[in-house]
């Protein structure tokens, strides 16, 4: 699909500050923290993909917790790990306001 310059320009105007772009060193810290968080919560971290502008985690859990609980914990502990190593982004957070937590049937 060809780029749409007008769409890109419109999206950039809506940004309150520069977007966060994760680098390899961020991913290294995050994967370690995600493994620790999962182990502490007795969750199984089955797969993780950390890209420059988003993250995917596949987590196995016992019971039926709310997906938002898992999302909150991974984001919270991930933020702490990143903040120990780098300044907090200009936006005040490493994450978007919302995340998509889904549950496989």
N, C-alpha and C. Protein backbone atom coordinates (compact mmCIF):
# COMPACT_ATOMS: atom_id res chain seq x y z
N UNK A 1 0.84 -1.17 0.00
CA UNK A 1 0.00 0.00 0.00
C UNK A 1 0.89 1.24 0.00
N UNK A 2 0.56 2.19 -0.82
CA UNK A 2 1.35 3.42 -0.93
C UNK A 2 1.15 4.32 0.29
N UNK A 3 2.19 5.06 0.68
CA UNK A 3 2.04 6.00 1.80
C UNK A 3 0.97 7.05 1.49
N UNK A 4 0.34 7.52 2.55
CA UNK A 4 -0.67 8.57 2.43
C UNK A 4 -0.16 9.76 3.24
N UNK A 5 0.56 10.68 2.58
CA UNK A 5 1.20 11.79 3.31
C UNK A 5 0.22 12.62 4.15
N UNK A 6 -0.97 12.87 3.65
CA UNK A 6 -1.93 13.67 4.41
C UNK A 6 -2.35 12.98 5.69
N UNK A 7 -2.52 11.68 5.65
CA UNK A 7 -2.90 10.91 6.84
C UNK A 7 -1.77 10.96 7.86
N UNK A 8 -0.54 10.77 7.41
CA UNK A 8 0.62 10.81 8.29
C UNK A 8 0.74 12.19 8.95
N UNK A 9 0.60 13.25 8.17
CA UNK A 9 0.70 14.61 8.70
C UNK A 9 -0.40 14.88 9.72
N UNK A 10 -1.60 14.42 9.44
CA UNK A 10 -2.73 14.61 10.36
C UNK A 10 -2.48 13.88 11.68
N UNK A 11 -1.97 12.66 11.60
CA UNK A 11 -1.69 11.89 12.82
C UNK A 11 -0.58 12.56 13.64
N UNK A 12 0.44 13.07 12.98
CA UNK A 12 1.54 13.74 13.69
C UNK A 12 1.06 14.99 14.42
N UNK A 13 0.12 15.72 13.82
CA UNK A 13 -0.41 16.94 14.47
C UNK A 13 -1.14 16.62 15.77
N UNK A 14 -1.66 15.40 15.88
CA UNK A 14 -2.42 15.02 17.07
C UNK A 14 -1.52 14.61 18.23
N UNK A 15 -0.25 14.36 17.96
CA UNK A 15 0.66 13.95 19.01
C UNK A 15 0.97 15.11 19.95
N UNK A 16 0.89 14.84 21.24
CA UNK A 16 1.24 15.86 22.23
C UNK A 16 2.75 15.96 22.42
N UNK A 17 3.47 14.90 22.09
CA UNK A 17 4.92 14.86 22.21
C UNK A 17 5.44 13.76 21.29
N UNK A 18 6.74 13.66 21.14
CA UNK A 18 7.28 12.64 20.23
C UNK A 18 6.88 11.23 20.66
N UNK A 19 6.65 10.34 19.72
CA UNK A 19 6.30 8.95 20.08
C UNK A 19 7.50 8.23 20.69
N UNK A 20 7.21 7.25 21.51
CA UNK A 20 8.25 6.43 22.11
C UNK A 20 8.66 5.36 21.11
N UNK A 21 9.95 5.21 20.89
CA UNK A 21 10.49 4.16 20.01
C UNK A 21 11.42 3.29 20.85
N UNK A 22 11.05 2.04 21.03
CA UNK A 22 11.88 1.13 21.80
C UNK A 22 13.07 0.67 20.98
N UNK A 23 14.22 0.56 21.64
CA UNK A 23 15.45 0.08 21.00
C UNK A 23 15.81 -1.30 21.59
N UNK A 24 16.82 -1.90 21.05
CA UNK A 24 17.22 -3.24 21.51
C UNK A 24 17.50 -3.25 23.01
N UNK A 25 18.18 -2.23 23.51
CA UNK A 25 18.50 -2.21 24.94
C UNK A 25 17.24 -2.10 25.79
N UNK A 26 16.19 -1.43 25.31
CA UNK A 26 14.91 -1.41 26.01
C UNK A 26 14.30 -2.81 26.02
N UNK A 27 14.33 -3.46 24.86
CA UNK A 27 13.75 -4.80 24.74
C UNK A 27 14.44 -5.78 25.67
N UNK A 28 15.76 -5.68 25.79
CA UNK A 28 16.50 -6.58 26.67
C UNK A 28 16.04 -6.43 28.12
N UNK A 29 15.88 -5.19 28.55
CA UNK A 29 15.41 -4.92 29.92
C UNK A 29 13.97 -5.40 30.09
N UNK A 30 13.14 -5.11 29.11
CA UNK A 30 11.72 -5.46 29.22
C UNK A 30 11.50 -6.97 29.26
N UNK A 31 12.17 -7.72 28.40
CA UNK A 31 11.94 -9.16 28.39
C UNK A 31 12.33 -9.78 29.72
N UNK A 32 13.42 -9.31 30.28
CA UNK A 32 13.83 -9.80 31.60
C UNK A 32 12.77 -9.47 32.65
N UNK A 33 12.26 -8.24 32.61
CA UNK A 33 11.25 -7.84 33.58
C UNK A 33 9.94 -8.60 33.36
N UNK A 34 9.54 -8.80 32.12
CA UNK A 34 8.31 -9.55 31.84
C UNK A 34 8.43 -10.98 32.36
N UNK A 35 9.60 -11.60 32.21
CA UNK A 35 9.82 -12.95 32.74
C UNK A 35 9.71 -12.96 34.26
N UNK A 36 10.29 -11.94 34.91
CA UNK A 36 10.22 -11.85 36.38
C UNK A 36 8.78 -11.63 36.85
N UNK A 37 8.07 -10.75 36.16
CA UNK A 37 6.69 -10.46 36.53
C UNK A 37 5.83 -11.71 36.41
N UNK A 38 5.98 -12.42 35.29
CA UNK A 38 5.20 -13.64 35.08
C UNK A 38 5.52 -14.67 36.15
N UNK A 39 6.80 -14.85 36.46
CA UNK A 39 7.19 -15.83 37.48
C UNK A 39 6.62 -15.46 38.85
N UNK A 40 6.71 -14.18 39.21
CA UNK A 40 6.20 -13.71 40.50
C UNK A 40 4.69 -13.93 40.62
N UNK A 41 3.97 -13.74 39.53
CA UNK A 41 2.51 -13.89 39.53
C UNK A 41 2.06 -15.33 39.25
N UNK A 42 3.02 -16.22 39.03
CA UNK A 42 2.73 -17.61 38.65
C UNK A 42 1.96 -17.69 37.34
N UNK A 43 2.35 -16.83 36.41
CA UNK A 43 1.80 -16.85 35.06
C UNK A 43 2.87 -17.46 34.16
N UNK A 44 2.43 -18.03 33.06
CA UNK A 44 3.39 -18.57 32.10
C UNK A 44 3.56 -17.62 30.94
N UNK A 45 4.74 -17.03 30.81
CA UNK A 45 5.03 -16.18 29.66
C UNK A 45 5.45 -17.11 28.53
N UNK A 46 4.55 -17.31 27.58
CA UNK A 46 4.76 -18.30 26.53
C UNK A 46 5.45 -17.73 25.30
N UNK A 47 5.22 -16.45 25.02
CA UNK A 47 5.85 -15.79 23.88
C UNK A 47 5.85 -14.29 24.11
N UNK A 48 6.86 -13.64 23.56
CA UNK A 48 6.94 -12.18 23.64
C UNK A 48 7.57 -11.66 22.36
N UNK A 49 7.01 -10.56 21.86
CA UNK A 49 7.58 -9.87 20.71
C UNK A 49 7.63 -8.39 21.06
N UNK A 50 8.83 -7.85 21.14
CA UNK A 50 9.02 -6.45 21.49
C UNK A 50 9.55 -5.75 20.25
N UNK A 51 8.72 -4.88 19.69
CA UNK A 51 9.08 -4.13 18.50
C UNK A 51 9.27 -2.67 18.85
N UNK A 52 9.69 -1.87 17.91
CA UNK A 52 9.99 -0.47 18.18
C UNK A 52 8.77 0.31 18.68
N UNK A 53 7.58 -0.04 18.20
CA UNK A 53 6.42 0.76 18.56
C UNK A 53 5.29 -0.02 19.21
N UNK A 54 5.48 -1.30 19.49
CA UNK A 54 4.48 -2.05 20.24
C UNK A 54 5.03 -3.39 20.70
N UNK A 55 4.28 -4.01 21.59
CA UNK A 55 4.70 -5.28 22.21
C UNK A 55 3.54 -6.25 22.17
N UNK A 56 3.87 -7.52 21.95
CA UNK A 56 2.88 -8.60 22.06
C UNK A 56 3.38 -9.58 23.12
N UNK A 57 2.49 -10.00 24.01
CA UNK A 57 2.80 -11.03 24.99
C UNK A 57 1.72 -12.10 24.93
N UNK A 58 2.13 -13.35 25.01
CA UNK A 58 1.20 -14.46 25.14
C UNK A 58 1.45 -15.06 26.51
N UNK A 59 0.41 -15.02 27.35
CA UNK A 59 0.56 -15.40 28.74
C UNK A 59 -0.48 -16.46 29.10
N UNK A 60 -0.02 -17.53 29.73
CA UNK A 60 -0.94 -18.55 30.25
C UNK A 60 -1.16 -18.30 31.73
N UNK A 61 -2.42 -18.31 32.14
CA UNK A 61 -2.76 -18.07 33.54
C UNK A 61 -3.75 -19.13 34.02
N UNK A 62 -3.70 -19.38 35.31
CA UNK A 62 -4.67 -20.28 35.93
C UNK A 62 -5.84 -19.43 36.41
N UNK A 63 -7.02 -19.95 36.27
CA UNK A 63 -8.20 -19.21 36.69
C UNK A 63 -8.69 -18.33 35.57
N UNK A 64 -9.41 -17.31 35.94
CA UNK A 64 -10.02 -16.44 34.94
C UNK A 64 -9.84 -14.97 35.32
N UNK A 65 -8.56 -14.51 35.41
CA UNK A 65 -8.36 -13.10 35.76
C UNK A 65 -8.77 -12.20 34.60
N UNK A 66 -9.06 -10.97 34.93
CA UNK A 66 -9.38 -9.98 33.90
C UNK A 66 -8.11 -9.73 33.08
N UNK A 67 -8.22 -9.72 31.76
CA UNK A 67 -7.04 -9.44 30.93
C UNK A 67 -6.39 -8.10 31.28
N UNK A 68 -7.20 -7.13 31.70
CA UNK A 68 -6.67 -5.81 32.04
C UNK A 68 -5.72 -5.88 33.24
N UNK A 69 -5.93 -6.87 34.12
CA UNK A 69 -5.05 -7.04 35.28
C UNK A 69 -3.64 -7.42 34.81
N UNK A 70 -3.57 -8.34 33.87
CA UNK A 70 -2.27 -8.75 33.34
C UNK A 70 -1.61 -7.57 32.63
N UNK A 71 -2.36 -6.86 31.80
CA UNK A 71 -1.84 -5.72 31.08
C UNK A 71 -1.30 -4.67 32.05
N UNK A 72 -2.07 -4.37 33.07
CA UNK A 72 -1.65 -3.38 34.07
C UNK A 72 -0.34 -3.79 34.74
N UNK A 73 -0.23 -5.05 35.15
CA UNK A 73 0.97 -5.49 35.85
C UNK A 73 2.20 -5.48 34.94
N UNK A 74 2.06 -5.98 33.72
CA UNK A 74 3.22 -5.97 32.82
C UNK A 74 3.65 -4.53 32.50
N UNK A 75 2.69 -3.64 32.26
CA UNK A 75 3.05 -2.25 31.96
C UNK A 75 3.68 -1.57 33.18
N UNK A 76 3.14 -1.82 34.36
CA UNK A 76 3.64 -1.18 35.57
C UNK A 76 5.07 -1.62 35.88
N UNK A 77 5.31 -2.92 35.91
CA UNK A 77 6.65 -3.40 36.21
C UNK A 77 7.62 -3.09 35.07
N UNK A 78 7.13 -3.13 33.84
CA UNK A 78 7.97 -2.75 32.70
C UNK A 78 8.41 -1.30 32.79
N UNK A 79 7.49 -0.42 33.16
CA UNK A 79 7.82 1.00 33.32
C UNK A 79 8.89 1.21 34.38
N UNK A 80 8.74 0.52 35.50
CA UNK A 80 9.73 0.67 36.57
C UNK A 80 11.12 0.27 36.10
N UNK A 81 11.18 -0.85 35.37
CA UNK A 81 12.48 -1.32 34.86
C UNK A 81 13.08 -0.31 33.88
N UNK A 82 12.27 0.21 32.99
CA UNK A 82 12.76 1.20 32.03
C UNK A 82 13.19 2.48 32.73
N UNK A 83 12.39 2.94 33.71
CA UNK A 83 12.70 4.18 34.41
C UNK A 83 13.98 4.09 35.25
N UNK A 84 14.37 2.89 35.65
CA UNK A 84 15.64 2.72 36.38
C UNK A 84 16.84 2.95 35.46
N UNK A 85 16.62 2.83 34.16
CA UNK A 85 17.73 2.89 33.20
C UNK A 85 17.71 4.10 32.28
N UNK A 86 16.54 4.71 32.08
CA UNK A 86 16.40 5.85 31.17
C UNK A 86 15.43 6.85 31.75
N UNK A 87 15.53 8.10 31.31
CA UNK A 87 14.55 9.11 31.75
C UNK A 87 13.15 8.75 31.23
N UNK A 88 12.16 9.10 32.00
CA UNK A 88 10.78 8.90 31.57
C UNK A 88 10.55 9.71 30.28
N UNK A 89 9.85 9.14 29.31
CA UNK A 89 9.58 9.89 28.08
C UNK A 89 8.85 11.20 28.35
N UNK A 90 8.95 12.09 27.39
CA UNK A 90 8.32 13.41 27.51
C UNK A 90 6.84 13.32 27.83
N UNK A 91 6.18 12.29 27.34
CA UNK A 91 4.74 12.10 27.57
C UNK A 91 4.44 11.74 29.01
N UNK A 92 5.46 11.31 29.77
CA UNK A 92 5.25 10.89 31.16
C UNK A 92 5.03 9.39 31.29
N UNK A 93 4.97 8.68 30.17
CA UNK A 93 4.76 7.24 30.20
C UNK A 93 5.41 6.57 29.00
N UNK A 94 5.72 5.31 29.15
CA UNK A 94 6.28 4.52 28.06
C UNK A 94 5.18 3.94 27.18
N UNK A 95 3.95 3.97 27.65
CA UNK A 95 2.85 3.25 27.02
C UNK A 95 1.75 4.18 26.53
N UNK A 96 0.93 3.66 25.65
CA UNK A 96 -0.28 4.40 25.28
C UNK A 96 -1.26 4.31 26.43
N UNK A 97 -2.27 5.17 26.41
CA UNK A 97 -3.26 5.18 27.48
C UNK A 97 -4.02 3.87 27.54
N UNK A 98 -4.25 3.27 26.40
CA UNK A 98 -4.98 2.03 26.33
C UNK A 98 -4.09 0.95 25.75
N UNK A 99 -4.42 -0.25 26.04
CA UNK A 99 -3.76 -1.39 25.42
C UNK A 99 -4.86 -2.39 25.13
N UNK A 100 -4.58 -3.30 24.29
CA UNK A 100 -5.58 -4.30 23.94
C UNK A 100 -5.21 -5.59 24.66
N UNK A 101 -6.00 -5.94 25.63
CA UNK A 101 -5.81 -7.20 26.35
C UNK A 101 -6.92 -8.13 25.88
N UNK A 102 -6.56 -9.22 25.29
CA UNK A 102 -7.59 -10.14 24.80
C UNK A 102 -7.41 -11.50 25.45
N UNK A 103 -8.44 -12.26 25.40
CA UNK A 103 -8.47 -13.55 26.04
C UNK A 103 -8.86 -14.60 25.02
N UNK A 104 -8.04 -15.62 24.88
CA UNK A 104 -8.36 -16.70 23.94
C UNK A 104 -9.44 -17.58 24.55
N UNK A 105 -10.31 -18.02 23.71
CA UNK A 105 -11.42 -18.86 24.17
C UNK A 105 -11.00 -20.20 24.38
